[in-house]
């Protein structure tokens, strides 16, 4: 994948693909898109206000001051012939109606997980499983800490056998690129099966 600020210019007829970054509220989706996008990402973040009290569950993310209200958008030029667009979903239940539109036509998805709050991840796993969209689970290691074994996380999420699960640091470009490569390999394996 091209690096941020690289001089790689895609051809005018380059193929394009779409990857969705999904997960619960406050798991790091906006951060992941920003860490790997070669363009300044489009963000639709707004301040969390008193109006959302009692509507949005801030348990485990009490210090969070902003929230994505529509989507995050980024781009990666793989090579001159392939561009991948990243679409980050909003995490709160009240915005889930947008997920169908964001996922339409996606090659695959990354379900970003905070292992300290697995309960906010079930809906994203179910969403992609029920739609037959290939996905990987990326466990965001906040502050560099892995809180559980990957096999235990996979079992807790009741993942379909063969669903890749990996560790990541959503703030780190190299780590995020590895997650996306894992997804692309999974998409290719799934298509060949």
Protein backbone atom coordinates (compact mmCIF):
# COMPACT_ATOMS: atom_id res chain seq x y z
CA UNK A 1 0.00 0.00 0.00
CA UNK A 2 1.17 3.48 -0.74
CA UNK A 3 2.36 5.47 2.24
CA UNK A 4 0.88 8.74 3.42
CA UNK A 5 2.10 11.58 1.25
CA UNK A 6 3.42 9.20 -1.40
CA UNK A 7 3.78 10.32 -4.99
CA UNK A 8 1.80 7.36 -6.38
CA UNK A 9 -0.80 8.63 -8.84
CA UNK A 10 -3.53 6.18 -9.80
CA UNK A 11 -4.39 5.69 -13.43
CA UNK A 12 -7.63 7.36 -14.58
CA UNK A 13 -9.30 3.95 -14.99
CA UNK A 14 -8.06 2.42 -11.71
CA UNK A 15 -10.35 -0.12 -10.10
CA UNK A 16 -11.92 0.87 -6.80
CA UNK A 17 -13.02 -1.05 -3.76
CA UNK A 18 -14.85 -0.24 -0.55
CA UNK A 19 -14.04 -1.38 2.98
CA UNK A 20 -16.27 -0.65 5.94
CA UNK A 21 -14.81 -0.02 9.40
CA UNK A 22 -17.49 -0.85 11.97
CA UNK A 23 -17.87 -1.49 15.66
CA UNK A 24 -19.41 -0.16 18.79
CA UNK A 25 -19.32 3.35 20.18
CA UNK A 26 -15.84 4.49 21.19
CA UNK A 27 -13.81 1.52 19.90
CA UNK A 28 -11.51 3.63 17.67
CA UNK A 29 -13.05 3.59 14.19
CA UNK A 30 -12.37 7.27 13.47
CA UNK A 31 -8.81 6.86 14.72
CA UNK A 32 -8.24 3.79 12.51
CA UNK A 33 -9.44 5.52 9.35
CA UNK A 34 -7.30 8.59 10.12
CA UNK A 35 -4.19 6.53 10.85
CA UNK A 36 -4.09 4.85 7.45
CA UNK A 37 -5.78 7.26 5.02
CA UNK A 38 -3.45 8.92 2.53
CA UNK A 39 -5.80 11.89 2.32
CA UNK A 40 -7.08 14.05 5.13
CA UNK A 41 -10.03 11.94 6.26
CA UNK A 42 -13.54 13.28 6.11
CA UNK A 43 -14.94 13.22 9.63
CA UNK A 44 -18.45 13.93 10.78
CA UNK A 45 -17.67 14.25 14.46
CA UNK A 46 -19.73 16.44 16.74
CA UNK A 47 -19.45 17.26 20.42
CA UNK A 48 -21.34 14.98 22.77
CA UNK A 49 -23.97 17.16 24.42
CA UNK A 50 -26.31 16.86 27.36
CA UNK A 51 -29.03 15.94 24.85
CA UNK A 52 -27.42 12.53 24.37
CA UNK A 53 -27.48 11.80 28.12
CA UNK A 54 -29.57 8.71 28.65
CA UNK A 55 -29.46 7.95 24.91
CA UNK A 56 -25.76 7.14 24.31
CA UNK A 57 -24.06 4.72 26.68
CA UNK A 58 -20.75 6.25 27.78
CA UNK A 59 -19.85 3.34 30.07
CA UNK A 60 -16.17 2.60 29.59
CA UNK A 61 -15.60 5.76 27.50
CA UNK A 62 -16.59 8.41 30.00
CA UNK A 63 -13.85 10.78 28.77
CA UNK A 64 -15.09 10.73 25.17
CA UNK A 65 -16.14 14.23 24.06
CA UNK A 66 -17.00 13.72 20.37
CA UNK A 67 -19.01 11.24 18.36
CA UNK A 68 -19.32 10.32 14.68
CA UNK A 69 -22.79 11.26 13.45
CA UNK A 70 -22.63 10.07 9.84
CA UNK A 71 -19.37 8.42 8.74
CA UNK A 72 -15.63 8.70 8.40
CA UNK A 73 -14.10 8.52 4.94
CA UNK A 74 -10.54 7.83 3.83
CA UNK A 75 -8.63 6.56 0.81
CA UNK A 76 -5.68 4.26 0.17
CA UNK A 77 -4.00 3.87 -3.21
CA UNK A 78 -2.82 0.27 -3.34
CA UNK A 79 -1.04 0.75 -6.67
CA UNK A 80 -1.69 2.62 -9.92
CA UNK A 81 -4.50 0.20 -10.75
CA UNK A 82 -6.34 -0.07 -7.40
CA UNK A 83 -7.81 2.44 -4.95
CA UNK A 84 -9.58 1.42 -1.73
CA UNK A 85 -12.06 3.72 -0.02
CA UNK A 86 -12.63 3.39 3.71
CA UNK A 87 -16.02 4.09 5.27
CA UNK A 88 -16.19 4.24 9.06
CA UNK A 89 -19.62 3.73 10.58
CA UNK A 90 -21.10 5.62 13.51
CA UNK A 91 -21.16 3.45 16.63
CA UNK A 92 -24.27 4.52 18.53
CA UNK A 93 -27.47 2.51 18.20
CA UNK A 94 -29.42 5.56 17.03
CA UNK A 95 -27.28 5.81 13.87
CA UNK A 96 -27.30 2.11 12.89
CA UNK A 97 -29.91 2.79 10.21
CA UNK A 98 -27.01 4.16 8.12
CA UNK A 99 -25.01 0.93 8.15
CA UNK A 100 -26.93 -0.68 5.26
CA UNK A 101 -26.10 2.22 2.96
CA UNK A 102 -22.46 2.37 4.07
CA UNK A 103 -22.02 -1.39 3.57
CA UNK A 104 -23.68 -1.57 0.16
CA UNK A 105 -21.10 -2.78 -2.38
CA UNK A 106 -18.35 -3.33 0.19
CA UNK A 107 -15.59 -5.85 -0.52
CA UNK A 108 -15.45 -6.57 3.19
CA UNK A 109 -15.34 -5.06 6.64
CA UNK A 110 -13.23 -4.64 9.73
CA UNK A 111 -15.11 -5.04 13.00
CA UNK A 112 -13.04 -3.06 15.48
CA UNK A 113 -13.37 -4.36 19.04
CA UNK A 114 -12.49 -3.06 22.48
CA UNK A 115 -11.94 -6.28 24.47
CA UNK A 116 -12.83 -4.43 27.69
CA UNK A 117 -16.34 -3.82 26.30
CA UNK A 118 -17.18 -6.78 24.03
CA UNK A 119 -20.90 -6.18 24.48
CA UNK A 120 -20.74 -3.18 22.11
CA UNK A 121 -19.36 -5.44 19.34
CA UNK A 122 -22.09 -8.07 18.99
CA UNK A 123 -24.29 -5.97 16.72
CA UNK A 124 -21.46 -5.34 14.23
CA UNK A 125 -20.52 -9.04 14.07
CA UNK A 126 -24.18 -10.00 13.55
CA UNK A 127 -24.64 -7.30 10.89
CA UNK A 128 -21.89 -8.64 8.61
CA UNK A 129 -22.58 -12.32 9.28
CA UNK A 130 -26.26 -11.93 8.34
CA UNK A 131 -25.41 -10.08 5.14
CA UNK A 132 -22.66 -12.50 4.07
CA UNK A 133 -20.07 -9.71 3.91
CA UNK A 134 -16.58 -11.06 4.67
CA UNK A 135 -15.05 -9.43 7.73
CA UNK A 136 -12.18 -9.63 10.16
CA UNK A 137 -12.21 -8.76 13.83
CA UNK A 138 -9.46 -6.36 14.93
CA UNK A 139 -8.95 -6.07 18.68
CA UNK A 140 -7.82 -2.53 19.43
CA UNK A 141 -5.16 -2.74 22.15
CA UNK A 142 -5.76 0.48 24.04
CA UNK A 143 -2.58 1.74 25.68
CA UNK A 144 -0.76 -1.28 24.21
CA UNK A 145 -2.53 -3.76 26.50
CA UNK A 146 -4.00 -7.03 25.33
CA UNK A 147 -6.66 -7.87 27.90
CA UNK A 148 -7.59 -11.38 26.71
CA UNK A 149 -6.40 -14.14 24.42
CA UNK A 150 -7.67 -13.90 20.84
CA UNK A 151 -9.25 -17.36 21.06
CA UNK A 152 -11.21 -16.27 24.14
CA UNK A 153 -12.38 -13.09 22.39
CA UNK A 154 -13.41 -15.08 19.31
CA UNK A 155 -15.35 -17.52 21.49
CA UNK A 156 -17.02 -14.69 23.42
CA UNK A 157 -18.11 -13.08 20.13
CA UNK A 158 -19.28 -16.49 18.85
CA UNK A 159 -17.43 -15.95 15.57
CA UNK A 160 -18.05 -18.26 12.65
CA UNK A 161 -15.08 -20.65 12.29
CA UNK A 162 -12.52 -19.20 9.90
CA UNK A 163 -13.27 -15.57 10.74
CA UNK A 164 -9.84 -13.94 11.17
CA UNK A 165 -9.16 -12.15 14.45
CA UNK A 166 -6.10 -10.02 15.01
CA UNK A 167 -4.63 -7.46 17.37
CA UNK A 168 -4.09 -3.86 16.35
CA UNK A 169 -3.34 -0.37 17.54
CA UNK A 170 -5.79 1.87 15.67
CA UNK A 171 -3.40 4.82 16.13
CA UNK A 172 -0.52 3.08 14.34
CA UNK A 173 -0.44 3.16 10.54
CA UNK A 174 1.61 -0.04 10.18
CA UNK A 175 -0.71 -1.93 12.52
CA UNK A 176 -3.79 -0.69 10.69
CA UNK A 177 -2.29 -1.64 7.32
CA UNK A 178 -1.79 -5.19 8.62
CA UNK A 179 -5.46 -5.37 9.58
CA UNK A 180 -6.50 -4.24 6.09
CA UNK A 181 -4.14 -6.75 4.46
CA UNK A 182 -5.60 -9.50 6.64
CA UNK A 183 -9.05 -8.48 5.45
CA UNK A 184 -8.04 -8.39 1.78
CA UNK A 185 -6.49 -11.89 2.04
CA UNK A 186 -9.67 -13.13 3.73
CA UNK A 187 -11.84 -11.58 1.00
CA UNK A 188 -9.75 -13.33 -1.68
CA UNK A 189 -9.93 -16.69 0.14
CA UNK A 190 -13.69 -16.30 0.58
CA UNK A 191 -14.18 -15.46 -3.11
CA UNK A 192 -12.10 -18.46 -4.19
CA UNK A 193 -14.06 -20.89 -1.98
